[in-house]
Amino acid sequence: MSPEEWTYLVVLLISIPIGFLFKKAGPGLKRWGAAAVGLGLTLFTCGPHTLHSLVTILGTWALIQAQPCSCHALALAWTFSYLLFFRALSLLGLPTPTPFTNAVQLLLTLKLVSLASEVQDLHVAQRKEMASGFSKGPPLGLLPDVPSLMETLSYSYCYVGIMTGPFFRYRTYLDWLEQPFPGAVPSLRPLLRRAWPAPLFGLLFLLSSHLFPLEAVREDAFYARPLPARLFYMIPVFFAFRMRFYVAWIAAECGCIAAGFGAYPVAAKARAGGGPTLQCPPPSSPEMAASLEYDYETIRNIDCYNTDFCVTVREGMRYWNMTVQWWLAQYIYKSAPARSYVLRSAWTMLLSAYWHGLHPGYYLSFLTIPLCLAAERQLESALRWRLGPGGQKAWDWVHWFLKMRAYDYMSMGFVLLSLRDTLRYWASVYFCVHVLALAALGLGLALGRGGPGRRKSGAPAPSPASGKLREE
């Protein structure tokens, strides 16, 4: 592990006991104490580069005050433009920010765009209420009022997820501050249930990254190996990549759980990033609060099992970095300048790559996803319905295997980063996933889609996971 990775891990681990300290605190101590801790961590890890986050916050707050009816688009343009400036500092002869500054800036961008969208929704609702002349009651998730500058700063610098996520909306943050009877919200048992696989994942990361170091792929000797060895190598590289993020995101979720952050009654049917989807009246007494069943789905960032064992590329995206996936679906995909599913996905992946950074490997990897999505969508609609139950089960196993290989392949661009290294590796395996995806897409187009009745009769019973995906 690099020194930066050790620092990230320490920040994540100290967030857990801090969370227990804040859990039963009042709204004022939670707001300003959590902001003080987050600002302290930012200053410690970023130093004078903390100024970048402050400028981004002040710029967004000014846009919200000036144009509340259109501040979402303005905030998106402002924060994404600042990301370009932020990443071009070295080209301009200015000090290069630390990796921690980049992490803070990434999460801050998500939070500020979401905040602007929530303020815009509030403004629209207020205008409709004034036009109609009567109040229908606050819609689900609507803010009570526009946050002040200090409230915006406290949300932005809240220590929860400040460097690794999970992303959370301002409404989720307010619900934590105003949480009724926080002592009744369970923390320790949910934390232990969530944390237990993290040490195993950590050991697997250390072992796999030691046995299959990424740096070997950049050496000339690697390309003298036989093709099967080169093909195989991307599997443990992606495995180590997953294990590292599993540990980081589980630890980040544990920090939230310790503080009771993102806890909602199960009846609210909360989902990652967005929060509750159903109205759920707050408990009126400690006894009532203790009788409720709670979950932490709002701050859930990774579903390790389904990431590894779901069948399709599309499902795999849903279970990875779940709160950010919700943000991309809500604020990018829905407003994409296209109606086609594949084109909207391509637009979303392009902006996701930009959000991650300017390295060519991000763009090569992310823009391969729409091709895989189109191929699996076309081929499944053309072929799967033709198979019997046994054939469909075999199809799903083959689909799962190819999905994992596609992610192995795309992960190489994400970890190698440079154009030369990524294309060199992909060329050494003959761009196999691109070729396979194009062949599958061509075959699906040649066979055509099955008829609605025939697809329905041949379709398997939907799984709970697929039902959840349709709801989202």
Protein backbone atom coordinates (compact mmCIF):
# COMPACT_ATOMS: atom_id res chain seq x y z
CA MET A 1 0.00 0.00 0.00
CA SER A 2 1.15 3.51 -0.81
CA PRO A 3 1.44 6.23 1.87
CA GLU A 4 -1.68 7.87 0.41
CA GLU A 5 -3.64 4.62 0.78
CA TRP A 6 -2.57 4.29 4.40
CA THR A 7 -3.73 7.86 5.03
CA TYR A 8 -7.10 7.13 3.44
CA LEU A 9 -7.46 4.03 5.61
CA VAL A 10 -6.61 5.94 8.79
CA VAL A 11 -9.15 8.65 7.95
CA LEU A 12 -11.81 5.99 7.35
CA LEU A 13 -11.05 4.12 10.55
CA ILE A 14 -11.02 7.17 12.83
CA SER A 15 -14.39 8.19 11.38
CA ILE A 16 -15.98 5.17 13.08
CA PRO A 17 -15.36 6.14 16.75
CA ILE A 18 -16.06 9.78 15.87
CA GLY A 19 -19.43 8.65 14.54
CA PHE A 20 -20.39 7.06 17.85
CA LEU A 21 -19.53 10.37 19.59
CA PHE A 22 -21.80 12.37 17.29
CA LYS A 23 -24.69 9.92 17.10
CA LYS A 24 -26.63 11.14 20.16
CA ALA A 25 -25.55 14.78 19.92
CA GLY A 26 -27.99 17.61 19.28
CA PRO A 27 -28.47 19.21 15.84
CA GLY A 28 -26.13 22.11 16.54
CA LEU A 29 -23.25 19.97 17.76
CA LYS A 30 -23.76 17.53 14.90
CA ARG A 31 -23.75 20.30 12.30
CA TRP A 32 -20.79 22.32 13.49
CA GLY A 33 -18.83 19.50 15.13
CA ALA A 34 -19.01 17.30 12.02
CA ALA A 35 -18.05 20.28 9.85
CA ALA A 36 -15.11 21.13 12.12
CA VAL A 37 -13.82 17.56 11.95
CA GLY A 38 -14.23 17.47 8.17
CA LEU A 39 -12.53 20.82 7.71
CA GLY A 40 -9.71 19.72 10.01
CA LEU A 41 -9.17 16.54 7.97
CA THR A 42 -9.23 18.58 4.76
CA LEU A 43 -6.70 21.09 6.04
CA PHE A 44 -4.46 18.29 7.35
CA THR A 45 -4.44 16.32 4.09
CA CYS A 46 -4.80 19.14 1.54
CA GLY A 47 -3.08 22.09 3.20
CA PRO A 48 -3.38 25.34 1.21
CA HIS A 49 -5.12 23.43 -1.61
CA THR A 50 -8.22 23.50 0.60
CA LEU A 51 -8.79 26.85 -1.09
CA HIS A 52 -10.07 25.01 -4.19
CA SER A 53 -12.97 23.47 -2.29
CA LEU A 54 -13.80 26.82 -0.69
CA VAL A 55 -13.88 28.60 -4.06
CA THR A 56 -16.14 25.89 -5.48
CA ILE A 57 -18.55 26.18 -2.55
CA LEU A 58 -18.71 29.97 -2.67
CA GLY A 59 -19.26 29.97 -6.43
CA THR A 60 -22.11 27.46 -6.17
CA TRP A 61 -23.75 29.31 -3.29
CA ALA A 62 -23.61 32.57 -5.28
CA LEU A 63 -25.32 30.87 -8.25
CA ILE A 64 -28.03 29.46 -5.97
CA GLN A 65 -28.72 32.90 -4.54
CA ALA A 66 -28.70 34.61 -7.93
CA GLN A 67 -30.69 32.11 -10.02
CA PRO A 68 -32.62 29.65 -7.82
CA CYS A 69 -34.96 28.71 -10.69
CA SER A 70 -32.09 27.43 -12.90
CA CYS A 71 -29.26 26.87 -10.44
CA HIS A 72 -28.98 23.13 -11.12
CA ALA A 73 -27.65 23.55 -14.67
CA LEU A 74 -25.52 26.52 -13.60
CA ALA A 75 -23.99 24.61 -10.69
CA LEU A 76 -23.26 21.63 -12.95
CA ALA A 77 -21.53 23.91 -15.47
CA TRP A 78 -19.61 25.77 -12.74
CA THR A 79 -18.36 22.74 -10.80
CA PHE A 80 -17.42 20.76 -13.91
CA SER A 81 -15.63 23.79 -15.36
CA TYR A 82 -13.72 24.23 -12.13
CA LEU A 83 -12.70 20.57 -12.31
CA LEU A 84 -11.05 21.33 -15.67
CA PHE A 85 -9.16 24.27 -14.19
CA PHE A 86 -8.29 22.21 -11.12
CA ARG A 87 -6.76 19.45 -13.25
CA ALA A 88 -4.90 21.86 -15.52
CA LEU A 89 -3.04 23.61 -12.68
CA SER A 90 0.29 21.95 -13.48
CA LEU A 91 -0.02 23.03 -17.13
CA LEU A 92 -0.58 26.60 -15.94
CA GLY A 93 2.54 26.51 -13.79
CA LEU A 94 0.57 26.44 -10.54
CA PRO A 95 1.11 24.02 -7.60
CA THR A 96 -0.35 20.58 -8.28
CA PRO A 97 -2.99 19.56 -5.69
CA THR A 98 -2.52 16.50 -3.52
CA PRO A 99 -4.48 13.29 -4.29
CA PHE A 100 -6.55 14.02 -1.18
CA THR A 101 -7.54 17.40 -2.63
CA ASN A 102 -8.72 15.64 -5.76
CA ALA A 103 -10.81 13.21 -3.69
CA VAL A 104 -12.43 16.04 -1.73
CA GLN A 105 -13.12 17.96 -4.94
CA LEU A 106 -14.79 14.97 -6.58
CA LEU A 107 -17.22 14.35 -3.73
CA LEU A 108 -17.83 18.07 -3.30
CA THR A 109 -18.82 18.38 -6.96
CA LEU A 110 -21.51 15.73 -6.49
CA LYS A 111 -22.82 17.33 -3.31
CA LEU A 112 -23.02 20.86 -4.68
CA VAL A 113 -24.77 19.86 -7.92
CA SER A 114 -27.27 17.86 -5.88
CA LEU A 115 -27.79 20.76 -3.47
CA ALA A 116 -28.50 23.13 -6.35
CA SER A 117 -31.01 20.66 -7.77
CA GLU A 118 -32.77 20.38 -4.40
CA VAL A 119 -32.95 24.18 -4.11
CA GLN A 120 -34.35 24.40 -7.65
CA ASP A 121 -36.99 21.79 -6.80
CA LEU A 122 -37.94 23.83 -3.73
CA HIS A 123 -38.21 27.01 -5.81
CA VAL A 124 -40.41 25.30 -8.41
CA ALA A 125 -42.66 23.85 -5.71
CA GLN A 126 -43.04 27.26 -4.06
CA ARG A 127 -43.99 28.87 -7.37
CA LYS A 128 -46.60 26.18 -8.04
CA GLU A 129 -48.01 26.63 -4.56
CA MET A 130 -48.29 30.39 -5.06
CA ALA A 131 -49.95 29.90 -8.47
CA SER A 132 -52.50 27.42 -7.11
CA GLY A 133 -53.24 29.40 -3.96
CA PHE A 134 -53.13 26.45 -1.57
CA SER A 135 -50.59 24.11 -0.05
CA LYS A 136 -50.64 20.36 -0.65
CA GLY A 137 -48.07 19.66 2.03
CA PRO A 138 -44.31 19.18 1.54
CA PRO A 139 -43.52 16.60 -1.17
CA LEU A 140 -41.21 13.73 -0.25
CA GLY A 141 -37.61 14.85 0.11
CA LEU A 142 -38.25 18.58 -0.40
CA LEU A 143 -36.04 20.99 1.54
CA PRO A 144 -37.74 23.21 4.17
CA ASP A 145 -35.87 26.30 2.94
CA VAL A 146 -32.80 27.46 1.02
CA PRO A 147 -29.67 26.82 3.09
CA SER A 148 -27.58 29.79 4.17
CA LEU A 149 -23.89 30.13 3.36
CA MET A 150 -22.87 28.68 6.72
CA GLU A 151 -25.29 25.78 6.34
CA THR A 152 -23.89 25.12 2.86
CA LEU A 153 -20.36 25.13 4.27
CA SER A 154 -21.33 22.74 7.07
CA TYR A 155 -22.85 20.29 4.58
CA SER A 156 -19.88 20.57 2.24
CA TYR A 157 -17.27 19.93 4.94
CA CYS A 158 -19.16 17.33 6.96
CA TYR A 159 -16.59 14.66 7.75
CA VAL A 160 -18.93 11.84 6.66
CA GLY A 161 -17.66 10.54 3.33
CA ILE A 162 -15.57 13.63 2.71
CA MET A 163 -12.89 11.74 0.74
CA THR A 164 -14.30 8.36 -0.21
CA GLY A 165 -18.06 8.80 -0.18
CA PRO A 166 -20.75 7.68 0.05
CA PHE A 167 -22.47 10.59 -1.63
CA PHE A 168 -25.54 11.88 0.22
CA ARG A 169 -28.07 14.60 -0.51
CA TYR A 170 -28.55 17.71 1.64
CA ARG A 171 -31.98 16.32 2.60
CA THR A 172 -30.28 13.19 3.98
CA TYR A 173 -27.86 15.41 5.91
CA LEU A 174 -30.76 17.41 7.40
CA ASP A 175 -32.57 14.23 8.39
CA TRP A 176 -29.46 13.16 10.29
CA LEU A 177 -29.22 16.50 12.09
CA GLU A 178 -32.90 16.41 13.06
CA GLN A 179 -33.09 12.67 13.69
CA PRO A 180 -35.73 12.04 16.41
CA PHE A 181 -34.58 9.81 19.27
CA PRO A 182 -31.19 8.89 17.74
CA GLY A 183 -30.46 6.61 20.68
CA ALA A 184 -33.14 4.24 19.40
CA VAL A 185 -31.44 3.90 16.02
CA PRO A 186 -29.24 0.77 15.97
CA SER A 187 -25.58 1.21 15.11
CA LEU A 188 -23.31 -1.42 16.60
CA ARG A 189 -25.00 -4.55 15.24
CA PRO A 190 -25.51 -3.15 11.72
CA LEU A 191 -21.89 -1.99 11.76
CA LEU A 192 -20.57 -5.43 12.73
CA ARG A 193 -22.72 -7.11 10.09
CA ARG A 194 -21.38 -4.71 7.48
CA ALA A 195 -17.74 -4.76 8.59
CA TRP A 196 -17.02 -8.47 9.00
CA PRO A 197 -15.86 -9.20 5.38
CA ALA A 198 -13.56 -6.14 5.19
CA PRO A 199 -10.47 -7.78 6.81
CA LEU A 200 -10.79 -10.74 4.42
CA PHE A 201 -11.07 -8.40 1.43
CA GLY A 202 -8.03 -6.50 2.70
CA LEU A 203 -5.93 -9.65 2.90
CA LEU A 204 -7.07 -10.72 -0.57
CA PHE A 205 -6.11 -7.29 -1.92
CA LEU A 206 -2.62 -7.45 -0.41
CA LEU A 207 -2.09 -11.01 -1.65
CA SER A 208 -3.36 -10.48 -5.20
CA SER A 209 -1.58 -7.15 -5.69
CA HIS A 210 1.67 -8.74 -4.46
CA LEU A 211 1.41 -11.80 -6.71
CA PHE A 212 0.16 -9.89 -9.75
CA PRO A 213 1.58 -6.35 -9.57
CA LEU A 214 0.13 -3.85 -11.99
CA GLU A 215 3.58 -2.49 -12.85
CA ALA A 216 4.41 -5.75 -14.63
CA VAL A 217 1.98 -4.80 -17.40
CA ARG A 218 4.07 -1.71 -18.19
CA GLU A 219 7.25 -3.76 -18.73
CA ASP A 220 8.37 -5.04 -22.13
CA ALA A 221 8.94 -8.53 -20.72
CA PHE A 222 5.22 -8.89 -20.03
CA TYR A 223 4.42 -8.82 -23.74
CA ALA A 224 6.77 -11.72 -24.42
CA ARG A 225 4.45 -13.96 -22.39
CA PRO A 226 2.02 -16.29 -24.21
CA LEU A 227 -1.43 -14.96 -25.08
CA PRO A 228 -3.24 -17.04 -22.41
CA ALA A 229 -0.98 -15.55 -19.73
CA ARG A 230 -1.66 -12.02 -20.96
CA LEU A 231 -5.40 -12.68 -21.07
CA PHE A 232 -5.39 -14.18 -17.58
CA TYR A 233 -3.44 -11.30 -16.01
CA MET A 234 -6.31 -8.84 -16.24
CA ILE A 235 -8.42 -11.09 -13.97
CA PRO A 236 -6.27 -10.77 -10.81
CA VAL A 237 -5.62 -7.09 -11.59
CA PHE A 238 -9.34 -6.37 -11.55
CA PHE A 239 -9.74 -8.64 -8.52
CA ALA A 240 -7.21 -6.56 -6.56
CA PHE A 241 -8.92 -3.39 -7.79
CA ARG A 242 -12.29 -4.62 -6.49
CA MET A 243 -10.93 -5.78 -3.14
CA ARG A 244 -9.34 -2.39 -2.49
CA PHE A 245 -12.56 -0.53 -3.14
CA TYR A 246 -14.63 -3.05 -1.21
CA VAL A 247 -12.51 -2.36 1.88
CA ALA A 248 -12.64 1.43 1.43
CA TRP A 249 -16.37 1.62 0.81
CA ILE A 250 -17.30 -0.82 3.58
CA ALA A 251 -15.19 1.22 6.02
CA ALA A 252 -16.86 4.43 4.79
CA GLU A 253 -20.31 2.90 5.29
CA CYS A 254 -19.31 1.81 8.78
CA GLY A 255 -18.41 5.42 9.61
CA CYS A 256 -21.94 6.43 8.59
CA ILE A 257 -23.57 3.58 10.50
CA ALA A 258 -21.66 4.46 13.68
CA ALA A 259 -23.16 7.97 13.55
CA GLY A 260 -26.64 6.75 12.63
CA PHE A 261 -26.17 8.67 9.38
CA GLY A 262 -28.57 7.64 6.61
CA ALA A 263 -30.70 5.43 8.87
CA TYR A 264 -34.37 5.29 7.84
CA PRO A 265 -37.23 2.96 8.73
CA VAL A 266 -37.40 -0.02 6.40
CA ALA A 267 -40.95 1.05 5.51
CA ALA A 268 -39.51 4.18 3.81
CA LYS A 269 -37.87 1.93 1.17
CA ALA A 270 -34.76 4.09 0.94
CA ARG A 271 -32.37 3.58 -1.93
CA ALA A 272 -28.69 4.31 -2.28
CA GLY A 273 -27.97 8.01 -2.78
CA GLY A 274 -31.58 9.15 -3.09
CA GLY A 275 -32.97 8.29 0.32
CA PRO A 276 -36.58 7.38 1.14
CA THR A 277 -39.02 6.67 -1.69
CA LEU A 278 -42.11 6.49 0.55
CA GLN A 279 -43.40 8.88 3.20
CA CYS A 280 -42.80 7.55 6.69
CA PRO A 281 -44.01 9.66 9.65
CA PRO A 282 -41.29 10.23 12.26
CA PRO A 283 -41.71 8.37 15.56
CA SER A 284 -43.42 10.35 18.31
CA SER A 285 -41.80 8.61 21.27
CA PRO A 286 -38.61 6.70 22.15
CA GLU A 287 -40.65 3.50 22.47
CA MET A 288 -42.11 3.93 19.00
CA ALA A 289 -38.66 4.72 17.57
CA ALA A 290 -37.20 1.61 19.21
CA SER A 291 -39.96 -0.57 17.76
CA LEU A 292 -39.13 0.40 14.17
CA GLU A 293 -36.84 -1.59 11.93
CA TYR A 294 -34.14 0.52 10.30
CA ASP A 295 -31.77 0.11 7.37
CA TYR A 296 -28.84 2.05 5.94
CA GLU A 297 -29.62 1.63 2.26
CA THR A 298 -29.32 5.39 1.67
CA ILE A 299 -25.57 5.32 2.28
CA ARG A 300 -24.91 1.89 0.82
CA ASN A 301 -22.13 2.26 -1.72
CA ILE A 302 -21.31 -1.31 -2.70
CA ASP A 303 -23.11 -4.63 -2.96
CA CYS A 304 -20.11 -6.96 -3.10
CA TYR A 305 -22.01 -10.17 -3.83
CA ASN A 306 -24.16 -8.79 -6.63
CA THR A 307 -21.25 -6.87 -8.12
CA ASP A 308 -19.44 -10.16 -8.59
CA PHE A 309 -22.37 -12.46 -9.37
CA CYS A 310 -25.06 -10.45 -11.16
CA VAL A 311 -25.50 -11.54 -14.76
CA THR A 312 -25.33 -8.41 -16.94
CA VAL A 313 -23.03 -5.45 -17.45
CA ARG A 314 -25.97 -3.16 -16.74
CA GLU A 315 -26.68 -4.74 -13.34
CA GLY A 316 -22.98 -4.67 -12.49
CA MET A 317 -22.99 -0.89 -12.89
CA ARG A 318 -25.93 -0.59 -10.50
CA TYR A 319 -24.20 -2.44 -7.69
CA TRP A 320 -20.84 -0.64 -7.95
CA ASN A 321 -20.37 2.79 -6.32
CA MET A 322 -24.13 2.82 -5.84
CA THR A 323 -24.61 6.34 -4.49
CA VAL A 324 -22.60 7.84 -7.36
CA GLN A 325 -24.55 5.69 -9.83
CA TRP A 326 -27.75 7.19 -8.43
CA TRP A 327 -26.28 10.68 -8.87
CA LEU A 328 -25.32 9.95 -12.49
CA ALA A 329 -28.77 8.51 -13.25
CA GLN A 330 -30.59 11.41 -11.57
CA TYR A 331 -28.58 14.39 -12.77
CA ILE A 332 -26.84 13.24 -15.97
CA TYR A 333 -28.69 10.34 -17.59
CA LYS A 334 -32.17 11.86 -17.23
CA SER A 335 -31.10 15.14 -18.84
CA ALA A 336 -28.91 13.60 -21.58
CA PRO A 337 -29.29 15.27 -25.02
CA ALA A 338 -30.55 12.03 -26.62
CA ARG A 339 -33.48 9.64 -26.26
CA SER A 340 -31.75 6.39 -27.20
CA TYR A 341 -30.78 4.23 -24.24
CA VAL A 342 -27.34 3.55 -25.70
CA LEU A 343 -26.66 7.21 -26.54
CA ARG A 344 -27.86 8.37 -23.12
CA SER A 345 -25.60 5.76 -21.54
CA ALA A 346 -22.68 6.95 -23.69
CA TRP A 347 -23.29 10.55 -22.61
CA THR A 348 -23.43 9.48 -18.96
CA MET A 349 -20.23 7.45 -19.25
CA LEU A 350 -18.45 10.34 -20.98
CA LEU A 351 -19.26 12.73 -18.14
CA SER A 352 -18.45 10.04 -15.58
CA ALA A 353 -15.01 9.65 -17.17
CA TYR A 354 -14.55 13.43 -17.09
CA TRP A 355 -15.56 13.53 -13.43
CA HIS A 356 -12.95 10.88 -12.63
CA GLY A 357 -10.15 12.74 -14.40
CA LEU A 358 -8.47 13.60 -17.69
CA HIS A 359 -6.47 10.38 -18.10
CA PRO A 360 -7.23 8.75 -21.48
CA GLY A 361 -7.65 5.34 -19.83
CA TYR A 362 -10.83 6.56 -18.11
CA TYR A 363 -12.41 7.50 -21.43
CA LEU A 364 -11.33 4.32 -23.18
CA SER A 365 -12.83 2.22 -20.40
CA PHE A 366 -16.03 4.15 -19.76
CA LEU A 367 -16.86 4.54 -23.44
CA THR A 368 -16.51 0.79 -23.94
CA ILE A 369 -19.46 0.28 -21.56
CA PRO A 370 -22.15 1.58 -23.98
CA LEU A 371 -20.92 -0.86 -26.64
CA CYS A 372 -21.22 -3.74 -24.16
CA LEU A 373 -24.65 -2.54 -23.07
CA ALA A 374 -25.88 -2.36 -26.67
CA ALA A 375 -24.45 -5.81 -27.46
CA GLU A 376 -25.97 -7.59 -24.48
CA ARG A 377 -29.31 -5.81 -24.90
CA GLN A 378 -29.54 -6.67 -28.61
CA LEU A 379 -28.34 -10.25 -28.36
CA GLU A 380 -30.50 -11.09 -25.36
CA SER A 381 -33.65 -9.74 -27.00
CA ALA A 382 -32.85 -11.67 -30.18
CA LEU A 383 -31.71 -15.02 -28.78
CA ARG A 384 -32.51 -15.70 -25.14
CA TRP A 385 -36.26 -16.06 -25.62
CA ARG A 386 -35.62 -18.84 -28.15
CA LEU A 387 -34.14 -21.08 -25.43
CA GLY A 388 -35.89 -23.35 -22.99
CA PRO A 389 -35.49 -23.02 -19.19
CA GLY A 390 -32.29 -25.09 -19.18
CA GLY A 391 -30.87 -23.17 -22.12
CA GLN A 392 -31.68 -19.85 -20.46
CA LYS A 393 -29.91 -20.93 -17.28
CA ALA A 394 -26.84 -21.91 -19.31
CA TRP A 395 -27.12 -18.59 -21.19
CA ASP A 396 -27.06 -16.67 -17.90
CA TRP A 397 -23.92 -18.49 -16.74
CA VAL A 398 -22.16 -17.71 -20.01
CA HIS A 399 -23.42 -14.12 -19.86
CA TRP A 400 -22.07 -13.77 -16.32
CA PHE A 401 -18.66 -15.13 -17.36
CA LEU A 402 -18.43 -12.73 -20.29
CA LYS A 403 -19.64 -9.83 -18.12
CA MET A 404 -16.78 -10.42 -15.69
CA ARG A 405 -14.25 -10.66 -18.52
CA ALA A 406 -15.59 -7.41 -19.97
CA TYR A 407 -15.06 -5.67 -16.64
CA ASP A 408 -11.58 -7.22 -16.32
CA TYR A 409 -10.74 -5.83 -19.75
CA MET A 410 -12.15 -2.35 -19.09
CA SER A 411 -10.48 -2.12 -15.69
CA MET A 412 -7.08 -2.17 -17.39
CA GLY A 413 -7.73 1.27 -18.84
CA PHE A 414 -8.89 2.48 -15.43
CA VAL A 415 -5.69 1.38 -13.67
CA LEU A 416 -3.12 1.90 -16.45
CA LEU A 417 -4.53 5.39 -17.18
CA SER A 418 -2.28 6.37 -20.10
CA LEU A 419 -3.31 6.00 -23.74
CA ARG A 420 -0.13 4.13 -24.64
CA ASP A 421 -0.27 1.58 -21.82
CA THR A 422 -3.98 0.90 -22.21
CA LEU A 423 -3.89 0.43 -25.98
CA ARG A 424 -0.72 -1.61 -25.73
CA TYR A 425 -2.36 -4.07 -23.37
CA TRP A 426 -5.64 -4.22 -25.28
CA ALA A 427 -3.74 -4.74 -28.55
CA SER A 428 -1.76 -7.58 -26.95
CA VAL A 429 -5.06 -9.42 -26.35
CA TYR A 430 -6.34 -8.40 -29.80
CA PHE A 431 -9.03 -6.04 -28.48
CA CYS A 432 -10.96 -9.19 -27.67
CA VAL A 433 -13.84 -7.58 -25.76
CA HIS A 434 -14.39 -4.92 -28.40
CA VAL A 435 -14.37 -7.58 -31.12
CA LEU A 436 -16.70 -9.86 -29.17
CA ALA A 437 -19.12 -7.04 -28.37
CA LEU A 438 -19.25 -5.93 -32.01
CA ALA A 439 -19.82 -9.53 -33.13
CA ALA A 440 -22.62 -9.99 -30.57
CA LEU A 441 -24.21 -6.70 -31.62
CA GLY A 442 -24.02 -7.69 -35.29
CA LEU A 443 -25.49 -11.12 -34.59
CA GLY A 444 -28.31 -9.63 -32.56
CA LEU A 445 -29.14 -7.14 -35.30
CA ALA A 446 -29.05 -9.88 -37.94
CA LEU A 447 -31.42 -12.13 -35.98
CA GLY A 448 -33.75 -9.28 -35.03
CA ARG A 449 -35.77 -8.93 -31.86
CA GLY A 450 -38.21 -11.62 -30.83
CA GLY A 451 -41.94 -10.99 -30.84
CA PRO A 452 -43.43 -9.62 -27.58
CA GLY A 453 -45.52 -12.74 -26.95
CA ARG A 454 -42.64 -15.10 -27.68
CA ARG A 455 -40.25 -13.20 -25.46
CA LYS A 456 -42.78 -13.20 -22.67
CA SER A 457 -43.42 -16.93 -22.92
CA GLY A 458 -39.71 -17.73 -22.93
CA ALA A 459 -38.71 -15.29 -20.22
CA PRO A 460 -37.71 -16.63 -16.84
CA ALA A 461 -39.38 -15.52 -13.64
CA PRO A 462 -37.90 -12.17 -12.57
CA SER A 463 -35.48 -12.24 -9.70
CA PRO A 464 -35.77 -9.86 -6.70
CA ALA A 465 -32.64 -8.07 -7.93
CA SER A 466 -34.10 -7.46 -11.39
CA GLY A 467 -37.32 -6.21 -9.82
CA LYS A 468 -35.38 -3.76 -7.73
CA LEU A 469 -33.52 -2.53 -10.81
CA ARG A 470 -36.80 -1.90 -12.63
CA GLU A 471 -38.09 0.14 -9.68
CA GLU A 472 -34.97 2.29 -9.84
